[in-house]
N, C-alpha and C. Protein backbone atom coordinates (compact mmCIF):
# COMPACT_ATOMS: atom_id res chain seq x y z
N UNK A 1 -12.14 37.26 -7.12
CA UNK A 1 -10.74 37.41 -6.81
C UNK A 1 -10.07 36.06 -6.62
N UNK A 2 -8.79 36.09 -6.58
CA UNK A 2 -7.98 34.88 -6.41
C UNK A 2 -7.92 34.49 -4.94
N UNK A 3 -8.11 33.23 -4.66
CA UNK A 3 -8.04 32.70 -3.30
C UNK A 3 -6.67 32.08 -3.08
N UNK A 4 -5.76 32.81 -2.46
CA UNK A 4 -4.41 32.31 -2.24
C UNK A 4 -4.38 31.12 -1.29
N UNK A 5 -5.44 30.93 -0.51
CA UNK A 5 -5.50 29.76 0.38
C UNK A 5 -5.74 28.47 -0.39
N UNK A 6 -6.34 28.55 -1.58
CA UNK A 6 -6.67 27.33 -2.33
C UNK A 6 -5.43 26.51 -2.66
N UNK A 7 -4.28 27.13 -2.78
CA UNK A 7 -3.04 26.39 -3.05
C UNK A 7 -2.63 25.52 -1.87
N UNK A 8 -3.21 25.78 -0.71
CA UNK A 8 -2.85 25.04 0.51
C UNK A 8 -3.92 24.02 0.90
N UNK A 9 -4.97 23.88 0.10
CA UNK A 9 -6.05 22.93 0.41
C UNK A 9 -5.52 21.51 0.54
N UNK A 10 -5.98 20.81 1.57
CA UNK A 10 -5.64 19.41 1.75
C UNK A 10 -4.32 19.16 2.47
N UNK A 11 -3.61 20.20 2.85
CA UNK A 11 -2.33 20.02 3.53
C UNK A 11 -2.51 20.18 5.04
N UNK A 12 -1.72 19.45 5.80
CA UNK A 12 -1.82 19.49 7.26
C UNK A 12 -1.10 20.72 7.79
N UNK A 13 -1.54 21.19 8.94
CA UNK A 13 -0.91 22.33 9.59
C UNK A 13 0.47 21.91 10.06
N UNK A 14 1.49 22.67 9.69
CA UNK A 14 2.88 22.33 10.02
C UNK A 14 3.53 23.44 10.82
N UNK A 15 4.36 23.03 11.75
CA UNK A 15 5.18 23.97 12.51
C UNK A 15 6.62 23.49 12.44
N UNK A 16 7.56 24.36 12.77
CA UNK A 16 8.98 24.02 12.68
C UNK A 16 9.31 22.75 13.46
N UNK A 17 8.69 22.60 14.61
CA UNK A 17 8.97 21.44 15.46
C UNK A 17 8.56 20.13 14.78
N UNK A 18 7.43 20.15 14.03
CA UNK A 18 6.93 18.93 13.41
C UNK A 18 7.45 18.67 12.01
N UNK A 19 7.67 19.72 11.23
CA UNK A 19 8.14 19.62 9.84
C UNK A 19 7.42 18.54 9.05
N UNK A 20 6.09 18.64 8.99
CA UNK A 20 5.31 17.65 8.23
C UNK A 20 5.05 18.10 6.80
N UNK A 21 5.43 19.31 6.43
CA UNK A 21 5.19 19.77 5.07
C UNK A 21 6.30 19.27 4.14
N UNK A 22 5.96 19.04 2.88
CA UNK A 22 6.87 18.37 1.96
C UNK A 22 8.11 19.17 1.61
N UNK A 23 8.02 20.48 1.56
CA UNK A 23 9.19 21.30 1.22
C UNK A 23 9.88 21.88 2.45
N UNK A 24 9.44 21.46 3.62
CA UNK A 24 10.00 21.93 4.90
C UNK A 24 9.90 23.45 5.03
N UNK A 25 8.80 24.00 4.50
CA UNK A 25 8.59 25.45 4.55
C UNK A 25 8.50 25.95 5.98
N UNK A 26 7.93 25.14 6.85
CA UNK A 26 7.76 25.59 8.23
C UNK A 26 9.11 25.76 8.91
N UNK A 27 10.16 25.13 8.40
CA UNK A 27 11.49 25.31 8.95
C UNK A 27 12.18 26.55 8.43
N UNK A 28 11.84 26.97 7.21
CA UNK A 28 12.52 28.12 6.62
C UNK A 28 11.68 29.39 6.66
N UNK A 29 10.36 29.25 6.75
CA UNK A 29 9.49 30.42 6.85
C UNK A 29 9.09 30.63 8.30
N UNK A 30 8.31 31.64 8.55
CA UNK A 30 7.95 31.98 9.92
C UNK A 30 6.53 31.56 10.23
N UNK A 31 6.35 30.94 11.37
CA UNK A 31 5.01 30.60 11.83
C UNK A 31 4.50 29.30 11.27
N UNK A 32 3.50 28.72 11.92
CA UNK A 32 2.86 27.51 11.44
C UNK A 32 1.84 27.84 10.36
N UNK A 33 1.62 26.89 9.44
CA UNK A 33 0.68 27.12 8.35
C UNK A 33 0.36 25.80 7.68
N UNK A 34 -0.60 25.80 6.76
CA UNK A 34 -0.95 24.63 5.95
C UNK A 34 -0.09 24.70 4.69
N UNK A 35 1.20 24.48 4.83
CA UNK A 35 2.13 24.69 3.72
C UNK A 35 1.98 23.62 2.66
N UNK A 36 1.94 24.04 1.41
CA UNK A 36 2.05 23.17 0.25
C UNK A 36 3.47 23.36 -0.23
N UNK A 37 3.68 24.24 -1.16
CA UNK A 37 5.03 24.68 -1.48
C UNK A 37 5.17 26.05 -0.83
N UNK A 38 6.34 26.55 -0.74
CA UNK A 38 6.59 27.82 -0.05
C UNK A 38 6.19 28.96 -0.97
N UNK A 39 5.32 29.72 -0.76
CA UNK A 39 4.00 29.76 -0.20
C UNK A 39 3.16 30.76 -0.95
N UNK A 40 1.91 30.52 -1.07
CA UNK A 40 0.99 31.47 -1.69
C UNK A 40 0.39 32.41 -0.64
N UNK A 41 0.25 31.91 0.56
CA UNK A 41 -0.29 32.73 1.64
C UNK A 41 0.31 32.26 2.95
N UNK A 42 0.65 33.19 3.81
CA UNK A 42 1.11 32.86 5.16
C UNK A 42 0.68 34.00 6.08
N UNK A 43 -0.45 33.81 6.72
CA UNK A 43 -0.97 34.85 7.61
C UNK A 43 -0.35 34.78 9.00
N UNK A 44 0.48 33.78 9.26
CA UNK A 44 1.16 33.65 10.55
C UNK A 44 2.62 34.07 10.47
N UNK A 45 2.98 34.80 9.42
CA UNK A 45 4.36 35.27 9.28
C UNK A 45 4.66 36.40 10.25
N UNK A 46 5.90 36.87 10.20
CA UNK A 46 6.35 37.96 11.07
C UNK A 46 5.97 39.31 10.48
N UNK A 47 5.73 40.26 11.35
CA UNK A 47 5.48 41.64 10.91
C UNK A 47 6.85 42.27 10.63
N UNK A 48 7.12 42.56 9.35
CA UNK A 48 8.43 43.07 8.98
C UNK A 48 8.33 43.87 7.69
N UNK A 49 9.13 44.90 7.57
CA UNK A 49 9.18 45.65 6.32
C UNK A 49 10.60 45.66 5.75
N UNK A 50 11.49 44.89 6.35
CA UNK A 50 12.88 44.84 5.88
C UNK A 50 12.97 43.86 4.71
N UNK A 51 13.49 44.30 3.59
CA UNK A 51 13.50 43.52 2.35
C UNK A 51 13.99 42.08 2.48
N UNK A 52 15.14 41.81 3.10
CA UNK A 52 15.62 40.42 3.13
C UNK A 52 14.71 39.46 3.89
N UNK A 53 13.84 39.99 4.75
CA UNK A 53 12.99 39.11 5.54
C UNK A 53 11.56 39.05 5.03
N UNK A 54 11.28 39.60 3.85
CA UNK A 54 9.90 39.60 3.34
C UNK A 54 9.33 38.20 3.21
N UNK A 55 10.15 37.21 2.87
CA UNK A 55 9.65 35.83 2.76
C UNK A 55 9.15 35.32 4.10
N UNK A 56 9.64 35.88 5.18
CA UNK A 56 9.21 35.47 6.52
C UNK A 56 7.98 36.24 6.98
N UNK A 57 7.57 37.22 6.22
CA UNK A 57 6.49 38.11 6.64
C UNK A 57 5.10 37.54 6.42
N UNK A 58 4.12 38.36 6.76
CA UNK A 58 2.71 38.04 6.54
C UNK A 58 2.45 38.27 5.05
N UNK A 59 2.08 37.22 4.34
CA UNK A 59 1.97 37.31 2.89
C UNK A 59 0.63 36.79 2.37
N UNK A 60 0.22 37.34 1.25
CA UNK A 60 -0.97 36.89 0.50
C UNK A 60 -0.68 37.22 -0.95
N UNK A 61 -0.28 36.22 -1.71
CA UNK A 61 0.14 36.46 -3.09
C UNK A 61 -1.05 36.49 -4.03
N UNK A 62 -0.94 37.28 -5.06
CA UNK A 62 -1.99 37.47 -6.04
C UNK A 62 -1.57 36.75 -7.32
N UNK A 63 -2.43 35.87 -7.81
CA UNK A 63 -2.11 35.07 -8.99
C UNK A 63 -1.73 35.96 -10.17
N UNK A 64 -0.63 35.59 -10.83
CA UNK A 64 -0.09 36.29 -12.00
C UNK A 64 0.43 37.69 -11.69
N UNK A 65 0.53 38.04 -10.43
CA UNK A 65 1.10 39.33 -10.04
C UNK A 65 2.35 39.04 -9.21
N UNK A 66 3.48 38.92 -9.89
CA UNK A 66 4.70 38.51 -9.22
C UNK A 66 5.24 39.58 -8.28
N UNK A 67 4.81 40.82 -8.45
CA UNK A 67 5.19 41.86 -7.50
C UNK A 67 4.59 41.60 -6.12
N UNK A 68 3.49 40.85 -6.07
CA UNK A 68 2.86 40.58 -4.77
C UNK A 68 3.76 39.74 -3.87
N UNK A 69 4.78 39.07 -4.44
CA UNK A 69 5.72 38.32 -3.62
C UNK A 69 6.63 39.23 -2.82
N UNK A 70 6.61 40.51 -3.12
CA UNK A 70 7.41 41.48 -2.38
C UNK A 70 6.60 42.26 -1.36
N UNK A 71 5.30 41.99 -1.27
CA UNK A 71 4.43 42.68 -0.33
C UNK A 71 4.38 41.90 0.98
N UNK A 72 4.37 42.64 2.07
CA UNK A 72 4.06 42.04 3.37
C UNK A 72 3.00 42.92 4.03
N UNK A 73 2.29 42.33 4.94
CA UNK A 73 1.21 43.04 5.62
C UNK A 73 1.55 43.18 7.09
N UNK A 74 1.12 44.27 7.68
CA UNK A 74 1.37 44.51 9.10
C UNK A 74 0.31 43.87 9.98
N UNK A 75 -0.87 43.65 9.41
CA UNK A 75 -1.98 43.13 10.21
C UNK A 75 -2.94 42.41 9.27
N UNK A 76 -3.42 41.26 9.70
CA UNK A 76 -4.43 40.52 8.93
C UNK A 76 -5.49 39.99 9.88
N UNK A 77 -6.63 39.67 9.32
CA UNK A 77 -7.72 39.05 10.08
C UNK A 77 -8.30 37.94 9.23
N UNK A 78 -8.32 36.73 9.76
CA UNK A 78 -8.91 35.61 9.04
C UNK A 78 -10.31 35.38 9.58
N UNK A 79 -11.28 35.35 8.70
CA UNK A 79 -12.66 35.10 9.09
C UNK A 79 -13.12 33.82 8.43
N UNK A 80 -13.77 32.97 9.19
CA UNK A 80 -14.22 31.67 8.70
C UNK A 80 -15.73 31.65 8.74
N UNK A 81 -16.32 31.13 7.67
CA UNK A 81 -17.78 31.02 7.64
C UNK A 81 -18.17 29.59 7.29
N UNK A 82 -19.41 29.27 7.57
CA UNK A 82 -19.96 27.94 7.34
C UNK A 82 -19.88 27.58 5.85
N UNK A 83 -19.62 26.32 5.55
CA UNK A 83 -19.46 25.86 4.17
C UNK A 83 -20.73 26.03 3.34
N UNK A 84 -21.90 26.05 3.97
CA UNK A 84 -23.13 26.19 3.19
C UNK A 84 -23.52 27.66 2.95
N UNK A 85 -22.63 28.57 3.26
CA UNK A 85 -22.88 29.98 3.00
C UNK A 85 -22.98 30.16 1.49
N UNK A 86 -24.13 30.59 1.01
CA UNK A 86 -24.44 30.63 -0.42
C UNK A 86 -23.54 31.48 -1.28
N UNK A 87 -22.87 32.46 -0.71
CA UNK A 87 -22.00 33.32 -1.49
C UNK A 87 -20.92 32.52 -2.21
N UNK A 88 -20.40 31.51 -1.56
CA UNK A 88 -19.31 30.71 -2.14
C UNK A 88 -19.80 29.81 -3.26
N UNK A 89 -21.02 29.36 -3.18
CA UNK A 89 -21.53 28.41 -4.18
C UNK A 89 -22.40 29.09 -5.23
N UNK A 90 -22.73 30.35 -5.01
CA UNK A 90 -23.56 31.07 -5.96
C UNK A 90 -25.05 30.92 -5.74
N UNK A 91 -25.44 30.19 -4.70
CA UNK A 91 -26.88 30.03 -4.41
C UNK A 91 -27.12 30.19 -2.91
N UNK A 92 -27.78 31.25 -2.56
CA UNK A 92 -28.09 31.49 -1.15
C UNK A 92 -29.19 30.56 -0.68
N UNK A 93 -29.03 30.03 0.54
CA UNK A 93 -30.08 29.19 1.12
C UNK A 93 -31.19 30.08 1.63
N UNK A 94 -32.43 29.61 1.49
CA UNK A 94 -33.55 30.42 1.97
C UNK A 94 -34.02 29.95 3.32
């Protein structure tokens, strides 16, 4: 599957107060995030189902599926695993 977080690799965590992201996404979107351009994924967005505020919502865009820009989520869970977890590299450690 497509990793919407990969578009944000290498970017610093930005919040509205700091505005360290290049497109000032943290000022126009909701919540702090590792913004690159506004945005492929934002799990810190607002819970909302009202159409005009979807850009402020919890988002996870799917590559080449432009309808996914209209989806928002009510609840998300981010799970982090160790970098040497073999699933990501295709070779499990023994």
